[in-house]
Amino acid sequence: MLNKPDKVPSRPNFSSGPCVKRPGWDIKNLSNIALLGRSHRSAECKKQLENVIELIKETLGLPNDYIVAIIPGSNTGAFETALWSMLGPLPVDALAWESFGSGWVYDIKEQLVLKDVKVLSARYGEIPNLDCVRRESDICFTWNGTTSGVRIPNANWISEDRIGLTFCDATSAIFSQELDWKKLDVTTFSWQKAMGGEGGHGVLILSPKAINRLKNFVPYRPIPKIFRLGTEKGINLDLFKGKTINTPSMLCVADALDSLLWIKELGGWKATCERTSNNFRIVSDWYRKRDWITNLVKDEAIQSNSSVCLQIIDNQFLKLADLEKWKFINHMASILEKHEAAFDIKGHRDGPPGLRIWCGPTVEPEDLKYLLPWLDWTFQYLKTNKL
């Protein structure tokens, strides 16, 4: 029997969203920049919103002709806004290999009721045949599947001369993986993932091609105000200059600004991607030496380096029914939380029973190193006493 580890992570927050704050974060850091009790329409607040937008452009290395808006409703709100405002003039290829992609498929087929929708799907841990997407269609996909641990290997499957737009849910890929911006027309994410920001606010990034769609396409369906990007005169460009659709939390805006300034100081997206990959390497080097756990995703080319989904492969565990497997996982998670070794690392409820460890850039490598012996000890303890 392994000895119980004698050290725990200093920050045992490994949730895949909301994710751990940046190293050194303290709410006192926001006291000098948070514009509380002020109207978000005031010149000072609008300037701060503009600063966040400009820092997003700078730290992500966006092309100069791409525009950015802050949208209500986190990444879901941003992606729904794009779907409702922009889908319709062309066929749609919708890709799904985890719960959020499946949610977009449902909305496209059942809520928007589009006529020509081709669904390309795969099981958890796998990815559809990306070569099957049509050049003449709009393409909707997640770059990184947070609940499955699967990411697309690259954007080579997206045609350079595509007719349609690409709609990319990049919420757990932003600042963790290199994105091919020239292949992305509509991209969304939230502050609560790799930035370690607060939830509730989403970001929408549009290419010139997407802007042209907004200017020339009038949806046949009514669009709620909260999703409305257009006006009677075309696109509402004020949204991309800090004038939000609804009232943002200026405390959350200040928190996002704090995170973006940290990312800028690190060196932008290249530095945060390197931190994420280094963190993933710590975890992958560990599970490769274990016979009881492995990556849910067998193809290393599509393994996420940010939301790492792990599968228990011990023979006794595999003989259990899924309900019993989840009971084991829940018990394992409760022991880890009781000892403050890890919070919130159960796999997503829609996925197969397992563990999920966030390895994004705000996670410190030392905390991962202290976590892993606890996983070994907790599993062996439960296997001895429960299996």
Protein backbone atom coordinates (compact mmCIF):
# COMPACT_ATOMS: atom_id res chain seq x y z
CA MET A 1 0.00 0.00 0.00
CA LEU A 2 1.30 3.43 -0.91
CA ASN A 3 1.94 5.92 1.84
CA LYS A 4 -0.40 8.88 1.93
CA PRO A 5 1.37 11.89 0.37
CA ASP A 6 2.54 14.49 2.87
CA LYS A 7 2.31 17.51 0.56
CA VAL A 8 -0.67 19.06 -1.24
CA PRO A 9 -0.86 21.63 -4.03
CA SER A 10 -0.80 25.22 -2.83
CA ARG A 11 -3.73 25.82 -5.18
CA PRO A 12 -5.68 22.58 -5.66
CA ASN A 13 -8.04 24.19 -8.20
CA PHE A 14 -8.02 21.97 -11.30
CA SER A 15 -11.55 22.68 -12.50
CA SER A 16 -12.03 22.97 -16.27
CA GLY A 17 -14.17 26.05 -15.78
CA PRO A 18 -14.25 28.37 -14.05
CA CYS A 19 -10.52 27.76 -13.89
CA VAL A 20 -7.89 28.73 -11.36
CA LYS A 21 -6.82 32.39 -11.20
CA ARG A 22 -3.48 33.53 -12.49
CA PRO A 23 -0.49 32.98 -10.20
CA GLY A 24 -0.23 35.78 -7.67
CA TRP A 25 -3.85 36.86 -8.08
CA ASP A 26 -5.46 38.69 -5.20
CA ILE A 27 -8.76 40.51 -5.18
CA LYS A 28 -6.91 43.49 -3.74
CA ASN A 29 -5.17 43.77 -7.12
CA LEU A 30 -8.50 44.88 -8.57
CA SER A 31 -9.13 47.67 -6.08
CA ASN A 32 -7.22 50.26 -8.11
CA ILE A 33 -8.70 49.37 -11.49
CA ALA A 34 -12.29 48.22 -10.84
CA LEU A 35 -14.75 50.96 -11.79
CA LEU A 36 -17.55 49.95 -9.44
CA GLY A 37 -20.75 51.93 -9.06
CA ARG A 38 -20.20 53.57 -12.45
CA SER A 39 -22.28 53.34 -15.58
CA HIS A 40 -20.75 51.08 -18.20
CA ARG A 41 -21.68 53.84 -20.68
CA SER A 42 -19.46 56.37 -18.92
CA ALA A 43 -16.31 57.45 -20.72
CA GLU A 44 -14.05 55.76 -18.12
CA CYS A 45 -15.86 52.42 -18.20
CA LYS A 46 -16.12 52.41 -21.97
CA LYS A 47 -12.39 53.08 -22.14
CA GLN A 48 -11.71 50.10 -19.89
CA LEU A 49 -13.90 47.87 -22.07
CA GLU A 50 -11.98 49.11 -25.10
CA ASN A 51 -8.70 48.34 -23.31
CA VAL A 52 -9.82 44.75 -22.72
CA ILE A 53 -10.73 44.40 -26.39
CA GLU A 54 -7.39 45.81 -27.53
CA LEU A 55 -5.46 43.54 -25.14
CA ILE A 56 -7.37 40.52 -26.45
CA LYS A 57 -6.33 41.46 -30.00
CA GLU A 58 -2.73 42.04 -28.96
CA THR A 59 -2.18 38.99 -26.75
CA LEU A 60 -3.87 36.63 -29.23
CA GLY A 61 -2.01 38.10 -32.19
CA LEU A 62 -5.21 38.67 -34.19
CA PRO A 63 -5.01 39.97 -37.75
CA ASN A 64 -5.48 43.74 -37.88
CA ASP A 65 -8.76 43.50 -39.78
CA TYR A 66 -10.46 41.20 -37.22
CA ILE A 67 -12.89 42.78 -34.76
CA VAL A 68 -13.77 41.80 -31.18
CA ALA A 69 -16.90 42.24 -29.06
CA ILE A 70 -17.78 41.43 -25.44
CA ILE A 71 -21.01 39.43 -25.35
CA PRO A 72 -23.32 38.41 -22.45
CA GLY A 73 -23.77 34.77 -21.48
CA SER A 74 -20.19 33.49 -21.48
CA ASN A 75 -19.00 31.43 -24.46
CA THR A 76 -22.49 29.98 -24.89
CA GLY A 77 -23.96 33.43 -25.32
CA ALA A 78 -21.27 34.43 -27.80
CA PHE A 79 -21.65 31.28 -29.92
CA GLU A 80 -25.46 31.40 -29.86
CA THR A 81 -25.30 35.05 -30.91
CA ALA A 82 -23.24 34.08 -33.94
CA LEU A 83 -25.47 31.11 -34.86
CA TRP A 84 -28.73 33.06 -34.64
CA SER A 85 -27.39 36.15 -36.41
CA MET A 86 -25.36 34.57 -39.20
CA LEU A 87 -26.47 31.04 -40.14
CA GLY A 88 -28.93 30.52 -42.95
CA PRO A 89 -27.72 31.52 -46.42
CA LEU A 90 -25.57 28.38 -46.97
CA PRO A 91 -25.66 24.68 -46.05
CA VAL A 92 -24.16 23.85 -42.64
CA ASP A 93 -21.70 21.14 -41.64
CA ALA A 94 -21.91 20.70 -37.86
CA LEU A 95 -19.17 18.71 -36.10
CA ALA A 96 -19.64 17.12 -32.69
CA TRP A 97 -17.49 14.85 -30.58
CA GLU A 98 -18.48 15.99 -27.09
CA SER A 99 -21.37 17.64 -25.23
CA PHE A 100 -20.95 21.26 -26.29
CA GLY A 101 -20.60 20.42 -29.97
CA SER A 102 -23.69 18.23 -29.63
CA GLY A 103 -25.50 21.20 -28.14
CA TRP A 104 -24.68 23.34 -31.16
CA VAL A 105 -25.94 20.56 -33.43
CA TYR A 106 -29.25 20.49 -31.55
CA ASP A 107 -29.69 24.25 -31.82
CA ILE A 108 -28.82 24.30 -35.51
CA LYS A 109 -31.19 21.46 -36.39
CA GLU A 110 -34.04 21.87 -33.92
CA GLN A 111 -34.09 25.56 -33.01
CA LEU A 112 -32.92 27.29 -36.18
CA VAL A 113 -34.51 24.54 -38.30
CA LEU A 114 -32.07 24.95 -41.17
CA LYS A 115 -32.79 22.84 -44.22
CA ASP A 116 -29.40 21.56 -45.32
CA VAL A 117 -27.50 20.41 -42.23
CA LYS A 118 -24.86 17.69 -42.37
CA VAL A 119 -23.80 16.32 -38.97
CA LEU A 120 -20.36 14.77 -38.55
CA SER A 121 -20.09 13.11 -35.16
CA ALA A 122 -17.78 10.84 -33.19
CA ARG A 123 -17.72 9.13 -29.82
CA TYR A 124 -16.00 10.59 -26.77
CA GLY A 125 -12.26 10.29 -27.23
CA GLU A 126 -12.47 10.31 -31.02
CA ILE A 127 -12.95 12.85 -33.79
CA PRO A 128 -15.03 12.82 -37.01
CA ASN A 129 -13.49 12.54 -40.46
CA LEU A 130 -12.60 16.19 -41.00
CA ASP A 131 -12.05 15.64 -44.72
CA CYS A 132 -15.81 15.22 -45.16
CA VAL A 133 -16.67 18.88 -44.63
CA ARG A 134 -17.99 20.68 -47.70
CA ARG A 135 -16.20 23.63 -49.26
CA GLU A 136 -19.49 25.38 -49.98
CA SER A 137 -20.94 25.05 -46.46
CA ASP A 138 -20.67 26.95 -43.22
CA ILE A 139 -18.72 24.85 -40.71
CA CYS A 140 -19.50 24.78 -36.96
CA PHE A 141 -17.06 23.04 -34.62
CA THR A 142 -15.21 23.17 -31.32
CA TRP A 143 -11.44 23.53 -31.62
CA ASN A 144 -10.94 21.80 -28.28
CA GLY A 145 -13.60 19.56 -26.77
CA THR A 146 -13.53 20.45 -23.08
CA THR A 147 -15.63 17.46 -22.02
CA SER A 148 -13.87 14.83 -24.17
CA GLY A 149 -10.25 15.97 -24.14
CA VAL A 150 -10.16 15.94 -27.97
CA ARG A 151 -8.82 18.81 -30.04
CA ILE A 152 -8.45 19.19 -33.78
CA PRO A 153 -4.82 18.57 -34.79
CA ASN A 154 -4.67 21.59 -37.13
CA ALA A 155 -6.76 23.60 -39.58
CA ASN A 156 -5.43 21.94 -42.75
CA TRP A 157 -8.85 20.35 -43.39
CA ILE A 158 -10.43 23.78 -43.85
CA SER A 159 -10.19 24.87 -47.48
CA GLU A 160 -8.28 28.05 -48.27
CA ASP A 161 -10.92 29.03 -50.86
CA ARG A 162 -13.95 27.94 -48.84
CA ILE A 163 -17.21 29.59 -49.75
CA GLY A 164 -18.79 29.32 -46.31
CA LEU A 165 -17.81 30.66 -42.92
CA THR A 166 -16.15 28.75 -40.10
CA PHE A 167 -17.80 29.05 -36.69
CA CYS A 168 -15.32 27.97 -34.02
CA ASP A 169 -16.08 27.44 -30.33
CA ALA A 170 -12.56 27.97 -29.01
CA THR A 171 -13.30 28.51 -25.35
CA SER A 172 -10.81 25.96 -23.96
CA ALA A 173 -8.33 26.38 -26.82
CA ILE A 174 -7.74 30.13 -26.55
CA PHE A 175 -4.39 30.91 -24.89
CA SER A 176 -3.69 27.16 -24.72
CA GLN A 177 -3.32 26.12 -28.35
CA GLU A 178 -2.12 27.82 -31.53
CA LEU A 179 -5.09 28.83 -33.69
CA ASP A 180 -4.94 29.39 -37.43
CA TRP A 181 -6.78 32.71 -37.55
CA LYS A 182 -6.86 32.90 -41.34
CA LYS A 183 -9.06 29.77 -41.28
CA LEU A 184 -11.40 31.13 -38.59
CA ASP A 185 -14.20 33.55 -39.40
CA VAL A 186 -16.31 33.45 -36.22
CA THR A 187 -14.50 32.54 -33.00
CA THR A 188 -15.83 32.59 -29.44
CA PHE A 189 -14.43 32.05 -25.97
CA SER A 190 -14.98 33.06 -22.36
CA TRP A 191 -12.78 34.66 -19.75
CA GLN A 192 -13.33 31.81 -17.29
CA LYS A 193 -11.06 29.26 -18.98
CA ALA A 194 -7.39 29.89 -19.78
CA MET A 195 -7.54 33.49 -18.55
CA GLY A 196 -8.78 32.37 -15.14
CA GLY A 197 -11.37 35.15 -15.26
CA GLU A 198 -14.89 35.31 -13.90
CA GLY A 199 -17.82 33.68 -15.70
CA GLY A 200 -20.76 35.33 -17.44
CA HIS A 201 -19.01 37.20 -20.24
CA GLY A 202 -18.16 35.90 -23.69
CA VAL A 203 -15.96 37.15 -26.50
CA LEU A 204 -16.84 37.16 -30.20
CA ILE A 205 -14.12 37.53 -32.85
CA LEU A 206 -15.07 38.17 -36.49
CA SER A 207 -13.03 38.07 -39.69
CA PRO A 208 -13.69 40.45 -42.62
CA LYS A 209 -15.57 37.62 -44.31
CA ALA A 210 -17.86 37.27 -41.29
CA ILE A 211 -18.36 41.03 -41.16
CA ASN A 212 -19.45 40.93 -44.79
CA ARG A 213 -22.00 38.21 -43.94
CA LEU A 214 -23.49 40.41 -41.24
CA LYS A 215 -23.70 43.36 -43.59
CA ASN A 216 -25.43 41.45 -46.37
CA PHE A 217 -27.50 38.72 -44.71
CA VAL A 218 -30.81 39.46 -43.03
CA PRO A 219 -32.04 36.41 -41.04
CA TYR A 220 -35.57 35.28 -41.77
CA ARG A 221 -36.15 34.59 -38.07
CA PRO A 222 -36.76 37.02 -35.22
CA ILE A 223 -33.64 37.49 -33.09
CA PRO A 224 -33.82 38.37 -29.38
CA LYS A 225 -32.09 41.65 -28.54
CA ILE A 226 -29.43 39.87 -26.50
CA PHE A 227 -28.31 37.97 -29.66
CA ARG A 228 -28.68 40.85 -32.13
CA LEU A 229 -25.49 41.90 -33.94
CA GLY A 230 -27.16 43.77 -36.76
CA THR A 231 -29.20 46.93 -37.06
CA GLU A 232 -31.56 48.22 -39.73
CA LYS A 233 -28.50 49.86 -41.27
CA GLY A 234 -26.31 46.76 -41.11
CA ILE A 235 -23.80 45.64 -38.48
CA ASN A 236 -23.77 47.28 -35.05
CA LEU A 237 -20.11 48.33 -35.00
CA ASP A 238 -20.47 49.96 -31.59
CA LEU A 239 -20.48 46.46 -30.07
CA PHE A 240 -16.90 46.05 -31.24
CA LYS A 241 -15.82 49.32 -29.58
CA GLY A 242 -16.80 48.47 -26.01
CA LYS A 243 -20.50 49.34 -26.17
CA THR A 244 -21.97 46.06 -24.94
CA ILE A 245 -25.46 44.70 -25.65
CA ASN A 246 -26.33 44.57 -21.95
CA THR A 247 -24.75 45.72 -18.68
CA PRO A 248 -21.40 44.00 -18.01
CA SER A 249 -19.96 43.52 -14.55
CA MET A 250 -17.20 46.08 -14.27
CA LEU A 251 -15.64 43.95 -11.53
CA CYS A 252 -15.39 41.06 -14.01
CA VAL A 253 -14.05 43.47 -16.63
CA ALA A 254 -11.33 44.60 -14.22
CA ASP A 255 -10.52 40.96 -13.46
CA ALA A 256 -10.20 40.22 -17.18
CA LEU A 257 -7.97 43.24 -17.58
CA ASP A 258 -5.76 41.99 -14.74
CA SER A 259 -5.43 38.58 -16.42
CA LEU A 260 -4.70 40.03 -19.85
CA LEU A 261 -1.99 42.28 -18.44
CA TRP A 262 -0.40 39.18 -16.86
CA ILE A 263 -0.59 37.37 -20.21
CA LYS A 264 0.95 40.36 -21.99
CA GLU A 265 3.80 40.43 -19.48
CA LEU A 266 4.42 36.71 -20.07
CA GLY A 267 4.68 37.27 -23.82
CA GLY A 268 1.17 36.67 -25.13
CA TRP A 269 -0.38 33.50 -26.55
CA LYS A 270 2.90 31.79 -27.38
CA ALA A 271 3.98 31.93 -23.73
CA THR A 272 0.62 30.73 -22.39
CA CYS A 273 0.53 27.87 -24.91
CA GLU A 274 4.01 26.81 -23.80
CA ARG A 275 2.92 26.84 -20.14
CA THR A 276 -0.10 24.71 -21.01
CA SER A 277 1.93 22.20 -23.00
CA ASN A 278 4.50 21.93 -20.23
CA ASN A 279 1.71 21.24 -17.74
CA PHE A 280 0.24 18.59 -19.99
CA ARG A 281 3.65 16.96 -20.30
CA ILE A 282 3.81 16.57 -16.51
CA VAL A 283 0.48 14.74 -16.48
CA SER A 284 1.13 12.64 -19.59
CA ASP A 285 4.58 11.56 -18.38
CA TRP A 286 2.85 10.40 -15.19
CA TYR A 287 0.00 8.37 -16.68
CA ARG A 288 2.26 6.70 -19.24
CA LYS A 289 3.99 5.00 -16.32
CA ARG A 290 0.74 3.79 -14.74
CA ASP A 291 -1.25 0.64 -15.47
CA TRP A 292 -4.48 1.86 -13.86
CA ILE A 293 -5.13 5.13 -15.73
CA THR A 294 -4.54 6.60 -19.17
CA ASN A 295 -5.74 9.31 -21.51
CA LEU A 296 -9.31 8.84 -22.75
CA VAL A 297 -8.04 9.94 -26.17
CA LYS A 298 -5.88 7.25 -27.73
CA ASP A 299 -4.62 9.26 -30.73
CA GLU A 300 -1.88 11.53 -29.38
CA ALA A 301 -2.30 13.93 -32.31
CA ILE A 302 -5.73 14.96 -31.04
CA GLN A 303 -5.13 14.90 -27.29
CA SER A 304 -6.02 18.17 -25.60
CA ASN A 305 -3.22 19.81 -23.67
CA SER A 306 -5.63 21.95 -21.63
CA SER A 307 -8.66 19.86 -20.61
CA VAL A 308 -7.06 16.47 -20.03
CA CYS A 309 -9.62 13.66 -19.73
CA LEU A 310 -8.41 10.49 -18.02
CA GLN A 311 -9.85 6.97 -18.11
CA ILE A 312 -9.37 4.35 -15.39
CA ILE A 313 -8.34 1.08 -17.04
CA ASP A 314 -7.88 -1.15 -14.01
CA ASN A 315 -9.55 -4.52 -14.74
CA GLN A 316 -11.64 -4.54 -11.57
CA PHE A 317 -12.92 -1.04 -12.29
CA LEU A 318 -13.76 -1.88 -15.92
CA LYS A 319 -16.03 -4.72 -14.76
CA LEU A 320 -18.32 -2.25 -12.98
CA ALA A 321 -21.50 -0.87 -14.50
CA ASP A 322 -21.35 2.84 -15.40
CA LEU A 323 -23.40 3.82 -12.36
CA GLU A 324 -20.94 2.03 -10.07
CA LYS A 325 -18.02 3.57 -11.93
CA TRP A 326 -19.44 7.04 -11.29
CA LYS A 327 -19.91 6.19 -7.61
CA PHE A 328 -16.23 5.24 -7.47
CA ILE A 329 -15.21 8.47 -9.24
CA ASN A 330 -17.39 10.53 -6.91
CA HIS A 331 -15.88 8.84 -3.87
CA MET A 332 -12.38 9.42 -5.23
CA ALA A 333 -13.13 13.10 -5.83
CA SER A 334 -14.57 13.54 -2.34
CA ILE A 335 -11.43 12.10 -0.72
CA LEU A 336 -9.23 14.40 -2.80
CA GLU A 337 -11.34 17.41 -1.84
CA LYS A 338 -11.37 16.43 1.85
CA HIS A 339 -7.56 16.44 1.85
CA GLU A 340 -7.48 19.62 -0.28
CA ALA A 341 -5.43 17.78 -2.88
CA ALA A 342 -7.77 18.50 -5.80
CA PHE A 343 -11.07 20.26 -6.35
CA ASP A 344 -13.53 19.59 -9.18
CA ILE A 345 -11.71 16.95 -11.23
CA LYS A 346 -14.60 14.59 -11.93
CA GLY A 347 -15.20 14.01 -15.63
CA HIS A 348 -18.13 15.83 -17.20
CA ARG A 349 -21.50 14.23 -16.49
CA ASP A 350 -22.19 13.77 -20.22
CA GLY A 351 -18.95 11.90 -20.83
CA PRO A 352 -17.73 8.45 -19.76
CA PRO A 353 -16.80 7.96 -16.08
CA GLY A 354 -13.36 9.36 -15.45
CA LEU A 355 -11.27 12.27 -14.23
CA ARG A 356 -10.56 15.60 -15.88
CA ILE A 357 -7.60 17.82 -15.01
CA TRP A 358 -7.26 21.37 -16.29
CA CYS A 359 -3.68 22.08 -17.37
CA GLY A 360 -4.14 25.61 -18.71
CA PRO A 361 -1.61 28.43 -18.32
CA THR A 362 -2.81 29.66 -14.92
CA VAL A 363 -2.03 26.26 -13.35
CA GLU A 364 1.36 26.08 -11.67
CA PRO A 365 3.54 23.04 -12.57
CA GLU A 366 4.42 22.39 -8.93
CA ASP A 367 0.74 22.03 -8.06
CA LEU A 368 0.34 19.32 -10.70
CA LYS A 369 3.41 17.52 -9.39
CA TYR A 370 1.94 17.49 -5.88
CA LEU A 371 -1.46 16.37 -7.18
CA LEU A 372 -0.37 13.22 -9.03
CA PRO A 373 0.81 11.15 -6.02
CA TRP A 374 -2.58 11.84 -4.44
CA LEU A 375 -4.29 10.29 -7.45
CA ASP A 376 -2.17 7.15 -7.07
CA TRP A 377 -2.81 6.91 -3.34
CA THR A 378 -6.55 7.62 -3.53
CA PHE A 379 -7.13 5.08 -6.27
CA GLN A 380 -5.19 2.36 -4.48
CA TYR A 381 -6.96 3.13 -1.21
CA LEU A 382 -10.39 2.83 -2.82
CA LYS A 383 -9.45 -0.22 -4.84
CA THR A 384 -8.37 -1.99 -1.67
CA ASN A 385 -11.46 -1.01 0.26
CA LYS A 386 -14.21 -0.69 -2.34
CA LEU A 387 -13.46 -2.90 -5.35
